């Protein structure tokens, strides 16, 4: 999981949008609860924004250089799939720096 330490090198910002109570956001909430501390420890100055809003569908947004953004819907994904999605976004950021 070396990608966890690469967030600040390959991304400008990571945003996770979720609902505090809906079943659709349960995996996203669990991912945040189990992984936020580790991600912040490895990337202390990197902005990881958790946005909670009642009724919103779980989403993940990555912002790169030059304002480029990529979003992923998290509804129906497991915690492992969410982790893999972030890993893929980090790898994409490395290619965008090109």
N, C-alpha and C. Protein backbone atom coordinates (compact mmCIF):
# COMPACT_ATOMS: atom_id res chain seq x y z
N UNK A 1 0.81 -1.19 0.00
CA UNK A 1 0.00 0.00 0.00
C UNK A 1 0.86 1.26 0.00
N UNK A 2 1.89 1.24 -0.80
CA UNK A 2 2.79 2.39 -0.90
C UNK A 2 2.07 3.62 -1.42
N UNK A 3 0.97 3.43 -2.13
CA UNK A 3 0.23 4.56 -2.68
C UNK A 3 -0.27 5.50 -1.60
N UNK A 4 -0.48 4.99 -0.40
CA UNK A 4 -1.02 5.82 0.69
C UNK A 4 -0.11 7.01 1.00
N UNK A 5 1.19 6.82 0.85
CA UNK A 5 2.13 7.91 1.09
C UNK A 5 2.32 8.80 -0.12
N UNK A 6 1.69 8.48 -1.24
CA UNK A 6 1.85 9.24 -2.48
C UNK A 6 0.73 10.26 -2.72
N UNK A 7 -0.24 10.32 -1.84
CA UNK A 7 -1.37 11.23 -2.05
C UNK A 7 -0.89 12.65 -2.31
N UNK A 8 -0.05 13.17 -1.43
CA UNK A 8 0.37 14.56 -1.55
C UNK A 8 1.28 14.80 -2.73
N UNK A 9 1.89 13.77 -3.27
CA UNK A 9 2.76 13.94 -4.44
C UNK A 9 1.98 13.96 -5.75
N UNK A 10 0.89 13.20 -5.79
CA UNK A 10 0.17 13.02 -7.06
C UNK A 10 -1.18 13.72 -7.13
N UNK A 11 -1.70 14.18 -6.01
CA UNK A 11 -3.00 14.85 -5.98
C UNK A 11 -2.85 16.21 -5.30
N UNK A 12 -3.81 17.07 -5.54
CA UNK A 12 -3.87 18.36 -4.84
C UNK A 12 -4.89 18.31 -3.70
N UNK A 13 -5.91 17.44 -3.85
CA UNK A 13 -6.97 17.37 -2.85
C UNK A 13 -7.77 16.09 -3.06
N UNK A 14 -8.26 15.54 -1.96
CA UNK A 14 -9.14 14.37 -2.02
C UNK A 14 -10.41 14.71 -1.24
N UNK A 15 -11.57 14.56 -1.88
CA UNK A 15 -12.84 14.84 -1.22
C UNK A 15 -13.70 13.59 -1.21
N UNK A 16 -14.27 13.31 -0.05
CA UNK A 16 -15.20 12.19 0.08
C UNK A 16 -16.54 12.78 0.53
N UNK A 17 -17.57 12.55 -0.27
CA UNK A 17 -18.91 13.02 0.04
C UNK A 17 -19.74 11.82 0.46
N UNK A 18 -20.50 11.97 1.54
CA UNK A 18 -21.31 10.86 2.03
C UNK A 18 -22.45 11.35 2.90
N UNK A 19 -23.41 10.47 3.11
CA UNK A 19 -24.52 10.73 4.02
C UNK A 19 -24.20 10.10 5.37
N UNK A 20 -24.54 10.78 6.43
CA UNK A 20 -24.23 10.28 7.78
C UNK A 20 -25.03 9.04 8.16
N UNK A 21 -26.18 8.83 7.53
CA UNK A 21 -27.07 7.76 7.99
C UNK A 21 -27.50 6.75 6.94
N UNK A 22 -27.40 7.07 5.66
CA UNK A 22 -27.96 6.18 4.64
C UNK A 22 -27.16 4.89 4.48
N UNK A 23 -27.85 3.79 4.21
CA UNK A 23 -27.17 2.51 3.97
C UNK A 23 -26.23 2.58 2.76
N UNK A 24 -26.55 3.41 1.77
CA UNK A 24 -25.72 3.53 0.58
C UNK A 24 -24.33 4.07 0.91
N UNK A 25 -24.22 4.84 1.99
CA UNK A 25 -22.94 5.42 2.38
C UNK A 25 -22.21 4.62 3.45
N UNK A 26 -22.74 3.47 3.83
CA UNK A 26 -22.14 2.73 4.95
C UNK A 26 -20.70 2.32 4.70
N UNK A 27 -20.38 1.85 3.50
CA UNK A 27 -19.00 1.46 3.21
C UNK A 27 -18.08 2.67 3.18
N UNK A 28 -18.56 3.79 2.66
CA UNK A 28 -17.76 5.01 2.64
C UNK A 28 -17.49 5.50 4.06
N UNK A 29 -18.51 5.45 4.92
CA UNK A 29 -18.31 5.84 6.32
C UNK A 29 -17.30 4.93 6.99
N UNK A 30 -17.43 3.63 6.78
CA UNK A 30 -16.50 2.67 7.38
C UNK A 30 -15.08 2.90 6.87
N UNK A 31 -14.94 3.19 5.57
CA UNK A 31 -13.61 3.45 5.02
C UNK A 31 -12.98 4.66 5.72
N UNK A 32 -13.75 5.73 5.86
CA UNK A 32 -13.24 6.94 6.50
C UNK A 32 -12.85 6.64 7.96
N UNK A 33 -13.72 5.95 8.68
CA UNK A 33 -13.44 5.64 10.09
C UNK A 33 -12.17 4.82 10.26
N UNK A 34 -11.92 3.90 9.35
CA UNK A 34 -10.77 2.99 9.48
C UNK A 34 -9.49 3.50 8.83
N UNK A 35 -9.59 4.44 7.89
CA UNK A 35 -8.41 4.81 7.11
C UNK A 35 -7.99 6.27 7.19
N UNK A 36 -8.86 7.16 7.63
CA UNK A 36 -8.54 8.58 7.64
C UNK A 36 -7.27 8.88 8.44
N UNK A 37 -7.18 8.36 9.63
CA UNK A 37 -6.04 8.65 10.50
C UNK A 37 -4.72 8.24 9.84
N UNK A 38 -4.68 7.05 9.26
CA UNK A 38 -3.48 6.57 8.60
C UNK A 38 -3.11 7.45 7.40
N UNK A 39 -4.11 7.80 6.59
CA UNK A 39 -3.85 8.64 5.43
C UNK A 39 -3.33 10.02 5.84
N UNK A 40 -3.90 10.60 6.89
CA UNK A 40 -3.44 11.92 7.36
C UNK A 40 -2.05 11.82 7.99
N UNK A 41 -1.77 10.74 8.67
CA UNK A 41 -0.44 10.57 9.27
C UNK A 41 0.63 10.51 8.19
N UNK A 42 0.34 9.82 7.09
CA UNK A 42 1.30 9.70 5.99
C UNK A 42 1.35 10.96 5.11
N UNK A 43 0.31 11.77 5.16
CA UNK A 43 0.22 12.99 4.32
C UNK A 43 -0.31 14.14 5.18
N UNK A 44 0.46 14.60 6.16
CA UNK A 44 -0.07 15.54 7.16
C UNK A 44 -0.56 16.88 6.63
N UNK A 45 0.01 17.38 5.56
CA UNK A 45 -0.41 18.70 5.05
C UNK A 45 -1.35 18.59 3.86
N UNK A 46 -1.68 17.38 3.46
CA UNK A 46 -2.53 17.14 2.31
C UNK A 46 -4.00 17.28 2.71
N UNK A 47 -4.79 18.05 1.93
CA UNK A 47 -6.21 18.21 2.28
C UNK A 47 -7.05 16.98 1.90
N UNK A 48 -7.54 16.31 2.93
CA UNK A 48 -8.50 15.23 2.76
C UNK A 48 -9.80 15.75 3.37
N UNK A 49 -10.76 16.04 2.51
CA UNK A 49 -12.00 16.67 2.95
C UNK A 49 -13.12 15.64 3.01
N UNK A 50 -13.77 15.56 4.15
CA UNK A 50 -14.91 14.68 4.34
C UNK A 50 -16.15 15.57 4.41
N UNK A 51 -17.03 15.43 3.44
CA UNK A 51 -18.23 16.25 3.37
C UNK A 51 -19.45 15.38 3.64
N UNK A 52 -20.13 15.66 4.74
CA UNK A 52 -21.33 14.91 5.11
C UNK A 52 -22.54 15.76 4.80
N UNK A 53 -23.49 15.17 4.11
CA UNK A 53 -24.72 15.88 3.77
C UNK A 53 -25.86 14.85 3.70
N UNK A 54 -26.90 15.11 4.42
CA UNK A 54 -28.03 14.19 4.47
C UNK A 54 -28.58 13.93 3.07
N UNK A 55 -28.70 12.66 2.73
CA UNK A 55 -29.29 12.26 1.47
C UNK A 55 -28.35 12.23 0.27
N UNK A 56 -27.12 12.65 0.44
CA UNK A 56 -26.20 12.65 -0.71
C UNK A 56 -25.69 11.24 -0.99
N UNK A 57 -25.43 10.97 -2.24
CA UNK A 57 -24.85 9.67 -2.62
C UNK A 57 -23.35 9.71 -2.37
N UNK A 58 -22.78 8.59 -1.95
CA UNK A 58 -21.34 8.59 -1.66
C UNK A 58 -20.52 8.76 -2.94
N UNK A 59 -19.57 9.69 -2.87
CA UNK A 59 -18.71 9.99 -4.02
C UNK A 59 -17.30 10.26 -3.54
N UNK A 60 -16.37 10.10 -4.45
CA UNK A 60 -14.96 10.38 -4.19
C UNK A 60 -14.48 11.28 -5.31
N UNK A 61 -13.84 12.39 -4.96
CA UNK A 61 -13.32 13.33 -5.96
C UNK A 61 -11.84 13.56 -5.69
N UNK A 62 -11.06 13.48 -6.74
CA UNK A 62 -9.63 13.78 -6.67
C UNK A 62 -9.36 15.00 -7.55
N UNK A 63 -8.63 15.97 -6.99
CA UNK A 63 -8.25 17.15 -7.77
C UNK A 63 -6.75 17.08 -8.03
N UNK A 64 -6.39 17.33 -9.28
CA UNK A 64 -5.00 17.27 -9.72
C UNK A 64 -4.52 18.67 -10.09
N UNK A 65 -3.30 18.76 -10.62
CA UNK A 65 -2.78 20.03 -11.13
C UNK A 65 -3.69 20.58 -12.21
N UNK A 66 -3.63 21.89 -12.39
CA UNK A 66 -4.35 22.58 -13.45
C UNK A 66 -5.87 22.43 -13.32
N UNK A 67 -6.38 22.14 -12.12
CA UNK A 67 -7.81 22.05 -11.90
C UNK A 67 -8.50 20.82 -12.44
N UNK A 68 -7.73 19.84 -12.90
CA UNK A 68 -8.31 18.60 -13.41
C UNK A 68 -8.90 17.81 -12.24
N UNK A 69 -10.13 17.34 -12.39
CA UNK A 69 -10.78 16.56 -11.35
C UNK A 69 -11.33 15.26 -11.93
N UNK A 70 -11.33 14.23 -11.10
CA UNK A 70 -11.92 12.93 -11.46
C UNK A 70 -12.80 12.50 -10.29
N UNK A 71 -14.00 12.03 -10.62
CA UNK A 71 -14.93 11.60 -9.59
C UNK A 71 -15.35 10.15 -9.78
N UNK A 72 -15.67 9.50 -8.68
CA UNK A 72 -16.12 8.11 -8.69
C UNK A 72 -17.31 7.99 -7.75
N UNK A 73 -18.36 7.33 -8.21
CA UNK A 73 -19.50 7.03 -7.36
C UNK A 73 -19.13 5.83 -6.48
N UNK A 74 -19.37 5.92 -5.19
CA UNK A 74 -18.97 4.86 -4.25
C UNK A 74 -20.12 3.95 -3.84
N UNK A 75 -21.32 4.28 -4.26
CA UNK A 75 -22.49 3.48 -3.88
C UNK A 75 -22.31 2.04 -4.37
N UNK A 76 -22.46 1.08 -3.46
CA UNK A 76 -22.35 -0.33 -3.80
C UNK A 76 -20.93 -0.88 -3.73
N UNK A 77 -19.94 -0.02 -3.49
CA UNK A 77 -18.56 -0.50 -3.38
C UNK A 77 -18.24 -0.92 -1.95
N UNK A 78 -17.34 -1.88 -1.82
CA UNK A 78 -16.86 -2.30 -0.50
C UNK A 78 -15.72 -1.38 -0.08
N UNK A 79 -15.29 -1.49 1.17
CA UNK A 79 -14.15 -0.71 1.64
C UNK A 79 -12.91 -1.00 0.80
N UNK A 80 -12.70 -2.27 0.46
CA UNK A 80 -11.54 -2.65 -0.34
C UNK A 80 -11.61 -2.03 -1.73
N UNK A 81 -12.80 -1.99 -2.31
CA UNK A 81 -12.96 -1.38 -3.63
C UNK A 81 -12.75 0.13 -3.57
N UNK A 82 -13.16 0.76 -2.48
CA UNK A 82 -12.92 2.19 -2.31
C UNK A 82 -11.42 2.45 -2.21
N UNK A 83 -10.72 1.62 -1.45
CA UNK A 83 -9.27 1.75 -1.34
C UNK A 83 -8.60 1.60 -2.70
N UNK A 84 -9.05 0.64 -3.48
CA UNK A 84 -8.50 0.42 -4.82
C UNK A 84 -8.81 1.60 -5.74
N UNK A 85 -9.99 2.19 -5.59
CA UNK A 85 -10.35 3.36 -6.40
C UNK A 85 -9.42 4.53 -6.11
N UNK A 86 -9.11 4.75 -4.83
CA UNK A 86 -8.19 5.83 -4.47
C UNK A 86 -6.80 5.52 -5.01
N UNK A 87 -6.37 4.28 -4.88
CA UNK A 87 -5.07 3.88 -5.42
C UNK A 87 -4.99 4.18 -6.92
N UNK A 88 -6.04 3.86 -7.66
CA UNK A 88 -6.07 4.12 -9.10
C UNK A 88 -6.01 5.62 -9.39
N UNK A 89 -6.69 6.44 -8.58
CA UNK A 89 -6.65 7.88 -8.76
C UNK A 89 -5.26 8.44 -8.48
N UNK A 90 -4.58 7.88 -7.49
CA UNK A 90 -3.20 8.30 -7.18
C UNK A 90 -2.28 7.95 -8.35
N UNK A 91 -2.43 6.75 -8.89
CA UNK A 91 -1.60 6.34 -10.04
C UNK A 91 -1.90 7.22 -11.25
N UNK A 92 -3.16 7.58 -11.46
CA UNK A 92 -3.51 8.47 -12.55
C UNK A 92 -2.82 9.82 -12.38
N UNK A 93 -2.77 10.30 -11.15
CA UNK A 93 -2.09 11.57 -10.89
C UNK A 93 -0.63 11.55 -11.28
N UNK A 94 0.03 10.41 -11.11
CA UNK A 94 1.43 10.29 -11.51
C UNK A 94 1.56 10.41 -13.02
N UNK A 95 0.61 9.88 -13.77
CA UNK A 95 0.69 9.96 -15.23
C UNK A 95 0.33 11.37 -15.74
N UNK A 96 -0.52 12.09 -15.02
CA UNK A 96 -0.91 13.43 -15.44
C UNK A 96 0.23 14.44 -15.28
N UNK A 97 1.16 14.14 -14.38
CA UNK A 97 2.29 15.05 -14.16
C UNK A 97 3.24 15.04 -15.35
N UNK A 98 3.21 13.91 -16.09
CA UNK A 98 3.96 13.61 -17.24
C UNK A 98 4.95 14.48 -17.76
